[in-house]
Amino acid sequence: MILSRIISGLFSSVFTRFIGRFITVAQRRPGWRNPFISGFIGMRGVVSLASALSIPLLLPNGHDFPNRDIILFITFMVIIVTLVGQGLALPWVVRKVRPDFIIDAKPDDEQIREIELQLYQSALAKFSDKFHAEIKGNALIKNRHSLYDFKVKLLSRAKDHGGQDKIADGVINRYKHVMIEILEHERRELHAYRKKEGYDDDIISIIENRLDLEEERLQQESE
């Protein structure tokens, strides 16, 4: 089992180099060191034990399930060998193999800022191409356009000048925090309508669902 996982990891490295010619992959040349370590740390535990214990004692015809004791014994041995044996040997293997660091990998926050900047710039271009007249005549569209424009300027400064990324993150995170607090206030006001006559509870639930979705979106962005 251990050898098959290591071989599968090494095969994935070869396959990644091949398929990387046709599609975008995280790393074009993963080498053999990182896939070897990934294959070696394929330890087994709770899931394997739960799967083995889920085997019934008896078959539908009333006979004992064949080789159930052997299956449980093999599972326990696999867990002990992988968790204890491989777990204790992992530091030694890492020192010997010396896995490569992914130098070209960008931090998550940097990737998010670059993608958001591109999306906002594309949105502004769409505004200008198709909705230029409505920006001046529709206050809601104008406000959304102004928000995108501000975010583009903020993220562009963070990209072009070192150290500005923390300032940009602080401004955006504060905006999200304030908006979440505003949404909570709106939700409290909305709940007051449940006690008033003439307002359908289904309509209130629709509005509350919109507030929940907006709050969830802001919280996911904050994470």
C-alpha atoms as a PDB file:
ATOM      1  CA  MET A   1       0.000   0.000   0.000  1.00  0.00           C
ATOM      2  CA  ILE A   2       2.806   2.402   0.892  1.00  0.00           C
ATOM      3  CA  LEU A   3       4.731   1.571  -2.279  1.00  0.00           C
ATOM      4  CA  SER A   4       1.639   1.917  -4.460  1.00  0.00           C
ATOM      5  CA  ARG A   5       0.926   5.382  -3.052  1.00  0.00           C
ATOM      6  CA  ILE A   6       4.534   6.514  -3.589  1.00  0.00           C
ATOM      7  CA  ILE A   7       4.492   5.166  -7.147  1.00  0.00           C
ATOM      8  CA  SER A   8       1.187   6.961  -7.775  1.00  0.00           C
ATOM      9  CA  GLY A   9       2.743  10.192  -6.496  1.00  0.00           C
ATOM     10  CA  LEU A  10       5.716   9.862  -8.807  1.00  0.00           C
ATOM     11  CA  PHE A  11       3.419   9.007 -11.702  1.00  0.00           C
ATOM     12  CA  SER A  12       1.403  12.166 -10.992  1.00  0.00           C
ATOM     13  CA  SER A  13       4.615  14.164 -11.441  1.00  0.00           C
ATOM     14  CA  VAL A  14       5.196  12.635 -14.872  1.00  0.00           C
ATOM     15  CA  PHE A  15       1.553  13.139 -15.841  1.00  0.00           C
ATOM     16  CA  THR A  16       1.642  16.771 -14.675  1.00  0.00           C
ATOM     17  CA  ARG A  17       4.636  17.517 -16.917  1.00  0.00           C
ATOM     18  CA  PHE A  18       2.795  15.949 -19.847  1.00  0.00           C
ATOM     19  CA  ILE A  19      -0.625  17.546 -19.321  1.00  0.00           C
ATOM     20  CA  GLY A  20       1.006  20.890 -18.524  1.00  0.00           C
ATOM     21  CA  ARG A  21       1.682  21.279 -22.248  1.00  0.00           C
ATOM     22  CA  PHE A  22      -2.041  21.502 -22.914  1.00  0.00           C
ATOM     23  CA  ILE A  23      -3.638  23.033 -19.797  1.00  0.00           C
ATOM     24  CA  THR A  24      -2.594  25.352 -16.976  1.00  0.00           C
ATOM     25  CA  VAL A  25      -1.215  23.529 -13.939  1.00  0.00           C
ATOM     26  CA  ALA A  26      -0.025  24.796 -10.574  1.00  0.00           C
ATOM     27  CA  GLN A  27       3.572  23.712 -11.244  1.00  0.00           C
ATOM     28  CA  ARG A  28       4.868  22.613 -14.631  1.00  0.00           C
ATOM     29  CA  ARG A  29       7.836  20.645 -13.274  1.00  0.00           C
ATOM     30  CA  PRO A  30       7.041  19.226  -9.833  1.00  0.00           C
ATOM     31  CA  GLY A  31      10.119  16.950  -9.893  1.00  0.00           C
ATOM     32  CA  TRP A  32      10.236  13.802  -7.790  1.00  0.00           C
ATOM     33  CA  ARG A  33      10.993  15.088  -4.283  1.00  0.00           C
ATOM     34  CA  ASN A  34       7.652  16.716  -3.404  1.00  0.00           C
ATOM     35  CA  PRO A  35       5.526  13.903  -4.955  1.00  0.00           C
ATOM     36  CA  PHE A  36       7.620  11.348  -3.060  1.00  0.00           C
ATOM     37  CA  ILE A  37       6.974  13.102   0.259  1.00  0.00           C
ATOM     38  CA  SER A  38       3.261  13.459  -0.600  1.00  0.00           C
ATOM     39  CA  GLY A  39       3.094   9.731  -1.294  1.00  0.00           C
ATOM     40  CA  PHE A  40       4.989   8.844   1.857  1.00  0.00           C
ATOM     41  CA  ILE A  41       2.674  10.771   4.179  1.00  0.00           C
ATOM     42  CA  GLY A  42      -0.397   8.813   3.050  1.00  0.00           C
ATOM     43  CA  MET A  43      -1.187   7.702   6.603  1.00  0.00           C
ATOM     44  CA  ARG A  44      -4.359   5.850   7.554  1.00  0.00           C
ATOM     45  CA  GLY A  45      -6.491   6.283  10.666  1.00  0.00           C
ATOM     46  CA  VAL A  46     -10.089   6.993  11.601  1.00  0.00           C
ATOM     47  CA  VAL A  47     -11.654   6.538   8.157  1.00  0.00           C
ATOM     48  CA  SER A  48      -9.990   3.166   7.592  1.00  0.00           C
ATOM     49  CA  LEU A  49     -11.015   1.947  11.046  1.00  0.00           C
ATOM     50  CA  ALA A  50     -14.593   3.148  10.604  1.00  0.00           C
ATOM     51  CA  SER A  51     -14.801   1.430   7.221  1.00  0.00           C
ATOM     52  CA  ALA A  52     -13.554  -1.851   8.644  1.00  0.00           C
ATOM     53  CA  LEU A  53     -15.861  -1.728  11.671  1.00  0.00           C
ATOM     54  CA  SER A  54     -18.839  -1.021   9.401  1.00  0.00           C
ATOM     55  CA  ILE A  55     -18.578  -4.549   7.988  1.00  0.00           C
ATOM     56  CA  PRO A  56     -21.580  -6.479   9.381  1.00  0.00           C
ATOM     57  CA  LEU A  57     -21.141  -9.494  11.615  1.00  0.00           C
ATOM     58  CA  LEU A  58     -23.620 -11.583   9.650  1.00  0.00           C
ATOM     59  CA  LEU A  59     -24.673 -11.902   6.042  1.00  0.00           C
ATOM     60  CA  PRO A  60     -28.377 -11.620   5.085  1.00  0.00           C
ATOM     61  CA  ASN A  61     -28.567 -15.427   5.064  1.00  0.00           C
ATOM     62  CA  GLY A  62     -27.438 -15.588   8.711  1.00  0.00           C
ATOM     63  CA  HIS A  63     -23.890 -16.859   8.111  1.00  0.00           C
ATOM     64  CA  ASP A  64     -20.826 -15.114   9.482  1.00  0.00           C
ATOM     65  CA  PHE A  65     -19.280 -12.477   7.251  1.00  0.00           C
ATOM     66  CA  PRO A  66     -16.254 -14.226   5.683  1.00  0.00           C
ATOM     67  CA  ASN A  67     -12.786 -13.124   6.845  1.00  0.00           C
ATOM     68  CA  ARG A  68     -14.121 -10.194   8.890  1.00  0.00           C
ATOM     69  CA  ASP A  69     -11.545 -10.774  11.635  1.00  0.00           C
ATOM     70  CA  ILE A  70      -8.716 -10.827   9.075  1.00  0.00           C
ATOM     71  CA  ILE A  71      -9.950  -7.574   7.523  1.00  0.00           C
ATOM     72  CA  LEU A  72     -10.027  -5.903  10.954  1.00  0.00           C
ATOM     73  CA  PHE A  73      -6.548  -7.231  11.771  1.00  0.00           C
ATOM     74  CA  ILE A  74      -5.092  -5.989   8.465  1.00  0.00           C
ATOM     75  CA  THR A  75      -6.732  -2.594   8.974  1.00  0.00           C
ATOM     76  CA  PHE A  76      -5.283  -2.250  12.477  1.00  0.00           C
ATOM     77  CA  MET A  77      -1.839  -3.202  11.190  1.00  0.00           C
ATOM     78  CA  VAL A  78      -2.075  -0.661   8.368  1.00  0.00           C
ATOM     79  CA  ILE A  79      -3.040   2.051  10.848  1.00  0.00           C
ATOM     80  CA  ILE A  80      -0.210   1.173  13.232  1.00  0.00           C
ATOM     81  CA  VAL A  81       2.417   0.963  10.496  1.00  0.00           C
ATOM     82  CA  THR A  82       1.378   4.167   8.732  1.00  0.00           C
ATOM     83  CA  LEU A  83       0.678   6.330  11.779  1.00  0.00           C
ATOM     84  CA  VAL A  84       3.467   5.103  14.029  1.00  0.00           C
ATOM     85  CA  GLY A  85       6.043   3.848  11.524  1.00  0.00           C
ATOM     86  CA  GLN A  86       5.683   6.448   8.811  1.00  0.00           C
ATOM     87  CA  GLY A  87       4.897   9.200  11.300  1.00  0.00           C
ATOM     88  CA  LEU A  88       8.119   8.637  13.250  1.00  0.00           C
ATOM     89  CA  ALA A  89      10.154   8.176  10.070  1.00  0.00           C
ATOM     90  CA  LEU A  90       8.791  11.304   8.360  1.00  0.00           C
ATOM     91  CA  PRO A  91      11.372  13.791   9.777  1.00  0.00           C
ATOM     92  CA  TRP A  92      14.207  11.485   8.700  1.00  0.00           C
ATOM     93  CA  VAL A  93      12.715  11.057   5.208  1.00  0.00           C
ATOM     94  CA  VAL A  94      12.275  14.828   4.810  1.00  0.00           C
ATOM     95  CA  ARG A  95      15.921  15.429   5.777  1.00  0.00           C
ATOM     96  CA  LYS A  96      17.112  12.819   3.301  1.00  0.00           C
ATOM     97  CA  VAL A  97      14.848  13.724   0.393  1.00  0.00           C
ATOM     98  CA  ARG A  98      14.980  17.510   0.930  1.00  0.00           C
ATOM     99  CA  PRO A  99      11.723  18.513  -0.768  1.00  0.00           C
ATOM    100  CA  ASP A 100      11.779  21.525  -3.075  1.00  0.00           C
ATOM    101  CA  PHE A 101      10.111  24.786  -2.169  1.00  0.00           C
ATOM    102  CA  ILE A 102       7.623  26.123  -4.707  1.00  0.00           C
ATOM    103  CA  ILE A 103       9.443  29.352  -5.429  1.00  0.00           C
ATOM    104  CA  ASP A 104       7.068  30.658  -8.083  1.00  0.00           C
ATOM    105  CA  ALA A 105       3.945  30.218  -5.951  1.00  0.00           C
ATOM    106  CA  LYS A 106       2.335  33.517  -4.987  1.00  0.00           C
ATOM    107  CA  PRO A 107       0.819  34.048  -1.533  1.00  0.00           C
ATOM    108  CA  ASP A 108      -2.956  33.672  -1.367  1.00  0.00           C
ATOM    109  CA  ASP A 109      -3.600  37.309  -0.498  1.00  0.00           C
ATOM    110  CA  GLU A 110      -1.460  38.476  -3.426  1.00  0.00           C
ATOM    111  CA  GLN A 111      -3.347  36.204  -5.826  1.00  0.00           C
ATOM    112  CA  ILE A 112      -6.673  37.531  -4.522  1.00  0.00           C
ATOM    113  CA  ARG A 113      -5.589  41.158  -4.975  1.00  0.00           C
ATOM    114  CA  GLU A 114      -4.354  40.561  -8.530  1.00  0.00           C
ATOM    115  CA  ILE A 115      -7.507  38.714  -9.600  1.00  0.00           C
ATOM    116  CA  GLU A 116      -9.804  41.286  -7.991  1.00  0.00           C
ATOM    117  CA  LEU A 117      -7.876  44.120  -9.620  1.00  0.00           C
ATOM    118  CA  GLN A 118      -8.271  42.517 -13.032  1.00  0.00           C
ATOM    119  CA  LEU A 119     -11.984  41.905 -12.473  1.00  0.00           C
ATOM    120  CA  TYR A 120     -12.624  45.478 -11.327  1.00  0.00           C
ATOM    121  CA  GLN A 121     -10.676  46.889 -14.267  1.00  0.00           C
ATOM    122  CA  SER A 122     -12.671  44.719 -16.657  1.00  0.00           C
ATOM    123  CA  ALA A 123     -15.919  45.851 -15.010  1.00  0.00           C
ATOM    124  CA  LEU A 124     -14.945  49.504 -15.360  1.00  0.00           C
ATOM    125  CA  ALA A 125     -14.179  48.962 -19.040  1.00  0.00           C
ATOM    126  CA  LYS A 126     -17.625  47.389 -19.479  1.00  0.00           C
ATOM    127  CA  PHE A 127     -19.214  50.336 -17.704  1.00  0.00           C
ATOM    128  CA  SER A 128     -17.460  52.758 -20.029  1.00  0.00           C
ATOM    129  CA  ASP A 129     -18.208  50.824 -23.208  1.00  0.00           C
ATOM    130  CA  LYS A 130     -21.876  50.012 -22.680  1.00  0.00           C
ATOM    131  CA  PHE A 131     -23.251  52.060 -19.780  1.00  0.00           C
ATOM    132  CA  HIS A 132     -21.386  55.339 -20.020  1.00  0.00           C
ATOM    133  CA  ALA A 133     -24.568  57.418 -20.333  1.00  0.00           C
ATOM    134  CA  GLU A 134     -26.312  55.585 -17.488  1.00  0.00           C
ATOM    135  CA  ILE A 135     -23.445  56.322 -15.098  1.00  0.00           C
ATOM    136  CA  LYS A 136     -24.465  59.962 -15.163  1.00  0.00           C
ATOM    137  CA  GLY A 137     -28.227  59.421 -15.106  1.00  0.00           C
ATOM    138  CA  ASN A 138     -28.589  56.521 -12.652  1.00  0.00           C
ATOM    139  CA  ALA A 139     -27.329  57.173  -9.122  1.00  0.00           C
ATOM    140  CA  LEU A 140     -27.177  53.457  -8.253  1.00  0.00           C
ATOM    141  CA  ILE A 141     -25.027  52.644 -11.286  1.00  0.00           C
ATOM    142  CA  LYS A 142     -22.883  55.689 -10.591  1.00  0.00           C
ATOM    143  CA  ASN A 143     -22.268  54.585  -6.996  1.00  0.00           C
ATOM    144  CA  ARG A 144     -21.292  51.086  -8.117  1.00  0.00           C
ATOM    145  CA  HIS A 145     -18.973  52.527 -10.757  1.00  0.00           C
ATOM    146  CA  SER A 146     -17.383  54.811  -8.150  1.00  0.00           C
ATOM    147  CA  LEU A 147     -16.858  51.839  -5.817  1.00  0.00           C
ATOM    148  CA  TYR A 148     -15.096  49.844  -8.533  1.00  0.00           C
ATOM    149  CA  ASP A 149     -13.029  52.853  -9.520  1.00  0.00           C
ATOM    150  CA  PHE A 150     -11.897  53.400  -5.918  1.00  0.00           C
ATOM    151  CA  LYS A 151     -10.982  49.731  -5.489  1.00  0.00           C
ATOM    152  CA  VAL A 152      -8.949  49.775  -8.703  1.00  0.00           C
ATOM    153  CA  LYS A 153      -6.981  52.812  -7.525  1.00  0.00           C
ATOM    154  CA  LEU A 154      -6.487  51.280  -4.080  1.00  0.00           C
ATOM    155  CA  LEU A 155      -5.325  47.886  -5.372  1.00  0.00           C
ATOM    156  CA  SER A 156      -3.161  49.490  -8.072  1.00  0.00           C
ATOM    157  CA  ARG A 157      -1.280  51.504  -5.437  1.00  0.00           C
ATOM    158  CA  ALA A 158      -0.811  48.327  -3.391  1.00  0.00           C
ATOM    159  CA  LYS A 159       0.595  46.548  -6.453  1.00  0.00           C
ATOM    160  CA  ASP A 160       2.909  49.332  -7.627  1.00  0.00           C
ATOM    161  CA  HIS A 161       4.244  50.463  -4.233  1.00  0.00           C
ATOM    162  CA  GLY A 162       5.646  48.086  -1.657  1.00  0.00           C
ATOM    163  CA  GLY A 163       4.060  48.288   1.783  1.00  0.00           C
ATOM    164  CA  GLN A 164       0.795  49.690   0.428  1.00  0.00           C
ATOM    165  CA  ASP A 165      -0.819  46.262   0.454  1.00  0.00           C
ATOM    166  CA  LYS A 166      -1.395  46.416   4.220  1.00  0.00           C
ATOM    167  CA  ILE A 167      -3.036  49.826   3.866  1.00  0.00           C
ATOM    168  CA  ALA A 168      -5.295  48.511   1.104  1.00  0.00           C
ATOM    169  CA  ASP A 169      -6.196  45.439   3.148  1.00  0.00           C
ATOM    170  CA  GLY A 170      -6.974  47.643   6.144  1.00  0.00           C
ATOM    171  CA  VAL A 171      -9.295  49.897   4.145  1.00  0.00           C
ATOM    172  CA  ILE A 172     -11.116  46.987   2.494  1.00  0.00           C
ATOM    173  CA  ASN A 173     -11.423  44.975   5.716  1.00  0.00           C
ATOM    174  CA  ARG A 174     -12.803  47.997   7.547  1.00  0.00           C
ATOM    175  CA  TYR A 175     -15.361  48.475   4.772  1.00  0.00           C
ATOM    176  CA  LYS A 176     -16.433  44.834   5.090  1.00  0.00           C
ATOM    177  CA  HIS A 177     -16.665  45.096   8.883  1.00  0.00           C
ATOM    178  CA  VAL A 178     -18.834  48.216   8.684  1.00  0.00           C
ATOM    179  CA  MET A 179     -21.074  46.694   6.014  1.00  0.00           C
ATOM    180  CA  ILE A 180     -21.597  43.529   8.071  1.00  0.00           C
ATOM    181  CA  GLU A 181     -22.604  45.652  11.057  1.00  0.00           C
ATOM    182  CA  ILE A 182     -25.000  47.642   8.850  1.00  0.00           C
ATOM    183  CA  LEU A 183     -26.544  44.405   7.553  1.00  0.00           C
ATOM    184  CA  GLU A 184     -27.058  43.178  11.109  1.00  0.00           C
ATOM    185  CA  HIS A 185     -28.810  46.444  11.917  1.00  0.00           C
ATOM    186  CA  GLU A 186     -31.031  46.039   8.844  1.00  0.00           C
ATOM    187  CA  ARG A 187     -31.880  42.506   9.908  1.00  0.00           C
ATOM    188  CA  ARG A 188     -32.997  43.696  13.349  1.00  0.00           C
ATOM    189  CA  GLU A 189     -35.179  46.324  11.724  1.00  0.00           C
ATOM    190  CA  LEU A 190     -36.602  43.697   9.371  1.00  0.00           C
ATOM    191  CA  HIS A 191     -37.549  41.382  12.229  1.00  0.00           C
ATOM    192  CA  ALA A 192     -39.739  44.148  13.670  1.00  0.00           C
ATOM    193  CA  TYR A 193     -42.023  43.812  10.642  1.00  0.00           C
ATOM    194  CA  ARG A 194     -42.928  40.265  11.668  1.00  0.00           C
ATOM    195  CA  LYS A 195     -44.988  41.742  14.499  1.00  0.00           C
ATOM    196  CA  LYS A 196     -46.752  44.265  12.271  1.00  0.00           C
ATOM    197  CA  GLU A 197     -49.958  43.530  10.444  1.00  0.00           C
ATOM    198  CA  GLY A 198     -50.176  43.708   6.679  1.00  0.00           C
ATOM    199  CA  TYR A 199     -46.723  42.254   5.918  1.00  0.00           C
ATOM    200  CA  ASP A 200     -46.435  38.745   4.508  1.00  0.00           C
ATOM    201  CA  ASP A 201     -43.924  36.533   6.302  1.00  0.00           C
ATOM    202  CA  ASP A 202     -42.783  35.055   2.974  1.00  0.00           C
ATOM    203  CA  ILE A 203     -41.867  38.530   1.707  1.00  0.00           C
ATOM    204  CA  ILE A 204     -39.908  39.226   4.881  1.00  0.00           C
ATOM    205  CA  SER A 205     -38.077  35.901   4.427  1.00  0.00           C
ATOM    206  CA  ILE A 206     -37.114  36.854   0.865  1.00  0.00           C
ATOM    207  CA  ILE A 207     -35.594  40.139   2.052  1.00  0.00           C
ATOM    208  CA  GLU A 208     -33.867  38.385   4.949  1.00  0.00           C
ATOM    209  CA  ASN A 209     -32.382  35.848   2.538  1.00  0.00           C
ATOM    210  CA  ARG A 210     -30.909  38.690   0.497  1.00  0.00           C
ATOM    211  CA  LEU A 211     -29.317  40.151   3.634  1.00  0.00           C
ATOM    212  CA  ASP A 212     -27.947  36.719   4.592  1.00  0.00           C
ATOM    213  CA  LEU A 213     -26.383  36.206   1.166  1.00  0.00           C
ATOM    214  CA  GLU A 214     -24.755  39.642   1.225  1.00  0.00           C
ATOM    215  CA  GLU A 215     -23.401  39.068   4.738  1.00  0.00           C
ATOM    216  CA  GLU A 216     -22.095  35.626   3.801  1.00  0.00           C
ATOM    217  CA  ARG A 217     -20.320  37.103   0.773  1.00  0.00           C
ATOM    218  CA  LEU A 218     -18.619  39.760   2.914  1.00  0.00           C
ATOM    219  CA  GLN A 219     -17.587  37.198   5.538  1.00  0.00           C
ATOM    220  CA  GLN A 220     -16.101  34.878   2.920  1.00  0.00           C
ATOM    221  CA  GLU A 221     -14.111  37.761   1.461  1.00  0.00           C
ATOM    222  CA  SER A 222     -12.830  38.627   4.937  1.00  0.00           C
ATOM    223  CA  GLU A 223     -11.637  35.042   5.429  1.00  0.00           C
END
